[in-house]
């Protein structure tokens, strides 16, 4: 026969804090993963944009460079930089 107060179906008090801690840790790990993923995506997009801008700069003719106040040496120095370097 089943007990009248249903204590056999309730979790023990010591199990509840462990489960709460596990959920909290999983939530925190998920937030950290999302933050790092977002940061990595932002960095990859910045690198892609920087590489695109350097390719575009390299394609400008001397008249356009003079118009924006740059020399061919300035452009060569900028385009020789790796994409991750500002």
C-alpha atoms as a PDB file:
ATOM      1  CA  UNK A   1       0.000   0.000   0.000  1.00  0.00           C
ATOM      2  CA  UNK A   2       1.167   3.546  -0.778  1.00  0.00           C
ATOM      3  CA  UNK A   3       1.982   5.894   2.040  1.00  0.00           C
ATOM      4  CA  UNK A   4      -0.467   8.683   2.721  1.00  0.00           C
ATOM      5  CA  UNK A   5       2.053  11.535   2.852  1.00  0.00           C
ATOM      6  CA  UNK A   6       3.872  10.735  -0.449  1.00  0.00           C
ATOM      7  CA  UNK A   7       7.334  11.126   1.076  1.00  0.00           C
ATOM      8  CA  UNK A   8       8.604   8.224  -1.006  1.00  0.00           C
ATOM      9  CA  UNK A   9       8.132  10.240  -4.248  1.00  0.00           C
ATOM     10  CA  UNK A  10       9.777  13.467  -3.071  1.00  0.00           C
ATOM     11  CA  UNK A  11      13.502  13.879  -3.639  1.00  0.00           C
ATOM     12  CA  UNK A  12      15.674  13.868  -0.593  1.00  0.00           C
ATOM     13  CA  UNK A  13      16.630  17.382   0.555  1.00  0.00           C
ATOM     14  CA  UNK A  14      20.311  16.680  -0.134  1.00  0.00           C
ATOM     15  CA  UNK A  15      19.618  15.928  -3.816  1.00  0.00           C
ATOM     16  CA  UNK A  16      17.981  19.251  -4.559  1.00  0.00           C
ATOM     17  CA  UNK A  17      21.019  21.532  -3.960  1.00  0.00           C
ATOM     18  CA  UNK A  18      23.204  19.260  -6.112  1.00  0.00           C
ATOM     19  CA  UNK A  19      20.695  19.485  -8.950  1.00  0.00           C
ATOM     20  CA  UNK A  20      20.436  23.263  -8.565  1.00  0.00           C
ATOM     21  CA  UNK A  21      24.220  23.565  -8.653  1.00  0.00           C
ATOM     22  CA  UNK A  22      24.372  21.381 -11.759  1.00  0.00           C
ATOM     23  CA  UNK A  23      21.786  23.511 -13.544  1.00  0.00           C
ATOM     24  CA  UNK A  24      23.550  26.715 -12.502  1.00  0.00           C
ATOM     25  CA  UNK A  25      26.903  25.419 -13.733  1.00  0.00           C
ATOM     26  CA  UNK A  26      25.394  24.301 -17.031  1.00  0.00           C
ATOM     27  CA  UNK A  27      23.759  27.707 -17.461  1.00  0.00           C
ATOM     28  CA  UNK A  28      27.025  29.493 -16.672  1.00  0.00           C
ATOM     29  CA  UNK A  29      28.993  27.274 -19.033  1.00  0.00           C
ATOM     30  CA  UNK A  30      26.454  27.974 -21.769  1.00  0.00           C
ATOM     31  CA  UNK A  31      26.738  31.727 -21.238  1.00  0.00           C
ATOM     32  CA  UNK A  32      30.522  31.583 -21.305  1.00  0.00           C
ATOM     33  CA  UNK A  33      30.480  29.498 -24.465  1.00  0.00           C
ATOM     34  CA  UNK A  34      28.097  31.961 -26.093  1.00  0.00           C
ATOM     35  CA  UNK A  35      30.284  34.898 -25.050  1.00  0.00           C
ATOM     36  CA  UNK A  36      33.476  33.300 -26.385  1.00  0.00           C
ATOM     37  CA  UNK A  37      31.716  32.243 -29.581  1.00  0.00           C
ATOM     38  CA  UNK A  38      30.416  35.756 -30.107  1.00  0.00           C
ATOM     39  CA  UNK A  39      33.841  37.207 -29.454  1.00  0.00           C
ATOM     40  CA  UNK A  40      35.467  34.790 -31.904  1.00  0.00           C
ATOM     41  CA  UNK A  41      32.880  35.651 -34.540  1.00  0.00           C
ATOM     42  CA  UNK A  42      33.425  39.389 -34.011  1.00  0.00           C
ATOM     43  CA  UNK A  43      37.167  38.940 -34.374  1.00  0.00           C
ATOM     44  CA  UNK A  44      36.813  36.833 -37.530  1.00  0.00           C
ATOM     45  CA  UNK A  45      34.523  39.455 -39.067  1.00  0.00           C
ATOM     46  CA  UNK A  46      36.970  42.228 -38.180  1.00  0.00           C
ATOM     47  CA  UNK A  47      39.843  40.282 -39.771  1.00  0.00           C
ATOM     48  CA  UNK A  48      37.802  39.691 -42.923  1.00  0.00           C
ATOM     49  CA  UNK A  49      36.887  43.368 -43.167  1.00  0.00           C
ATOM     50  CA  UNK A  50      40.496  44.463 -42.564  1.00  0.00           C
ATOM     51  CA  UNK A  51      41.763  42.139 -45.314  1.00  0.00           C
ATOM     52  CA  UNK A  52      39.073  43.432 -47.704  1.00  0.00           C
ATOM     53  CA  UNK A  53      39.985  47.054 -47.007  1.00  0.00           C
ATOM     54  CA  UNK A  54      43.686  46.371 -47.577  1.00  0.00           C
ATOM     55  CA  UNK A  55      42.947  44.668 -50.900  1.00  0.00           C
ATOM     56  CA  UNK A  56      40.851  47.663 -51.917  1.00  0.00           C
ATOM     57  CA  UNK A  57      43.592  50.088 -50.836  1.00  0.00           C
ATOM     58  CA  UNK A  58      46.152  48.188 -52.902  1.00  0.00           C
ATOM     59  CA  UNK A  59      43.944  48.580 -55.956  1.00  0.00           C
ATOM     60  CA  UNK A  60      43.798  52.377 -55.829  1.00  0.00           C
ATOM     61  CA  UNK A  61      45.779  54.298 -58.439  1.00  0.00           C
ATOM     62  CA  UNK A  62      48.323  57.013 -57.610  1.00  0.00           C
ATOM     63  CA  UNK A  63      45.849  59.836 -58.266  1.00  0.00           C
ATOM     64  CA  UNK A  64      43.364  58.386 -55.745  1.00  0.00           C
ATOM     65  CA  UNK A  65      46.119  57.816 -53.199  1.00  0.00           C
ATOM     66  CA  UNK A  66      47.306  61.401 -53.566  1.00  0.00           C
ATOM     67  CA  UNK A  67      43.707  62.540 -53.110  1.00  0.00           C
ATOM     68  CA  UNK A  68      43.464  60.805 -49.718  1.00  0.00           C
ATOM     69  CA  UNK A  69      46.988  61.825 -48.683  1.00  0.00           C
ATOM     70  CA  UNK A  70      48.778  58.487 -48.972  1.00  0.00           C
ATOM     71  CA  UNK A  71      51.852  57.425 -50.884  1.00  0.00           C
ATOM     72  CA  UNK A  72      52.487  54.123 -52.601  1.00  0.00           C
ATOM     73  CA  UNK A  73      55.015  53.365 -49.825  1.00  0.00           C
ATOM     74  CA  UNK A  74      52.282  53.871 -47.197  1.00  0.00           C
ATOM     75  CA  UNK A  75      50.028  51.465 -49.058  1.00  0.00           C
ATOM     76  CA  UNK A  76      52.799  48.889 -49.471  1.00  0.00           C
ATOM     77  CA  UNK A  77      53.570  49.032 -45.748  1.00  0.00           C
ATOM     78  CA  UNK A  78      49.881  48.608 -44.883  1.00  0.00           C
ATOM     79  CA  UNK A  79      49.189  45.788 -47.313  1.00  0.00           C
ATOM     80  CA  UNK A  80      52.227  43.794 -46.156  1.00  0.00           C
ATOM     81  CA  UNK A  81      50.739  43.495 -42.666  1.00  0.00           C
ATOM     82  CA  UNK A  82      49.002  40.205 -41.802  1.00  0.00           C
ATOM     83  CA  UNK A  83      45.212  40.384 -41.604  1.00  0.00           C
ATOM     84  CA  UNK A  84      45.147  40.007 -37.817  1.00  0.00           C
ATOM     85  CA  UNK A  85      47.449  42.996 -37.248  1.00  0.00           C
ATOM     86  CA  UNK A  86      45.732  46.389 -36.989  1.00  0.00           C
END
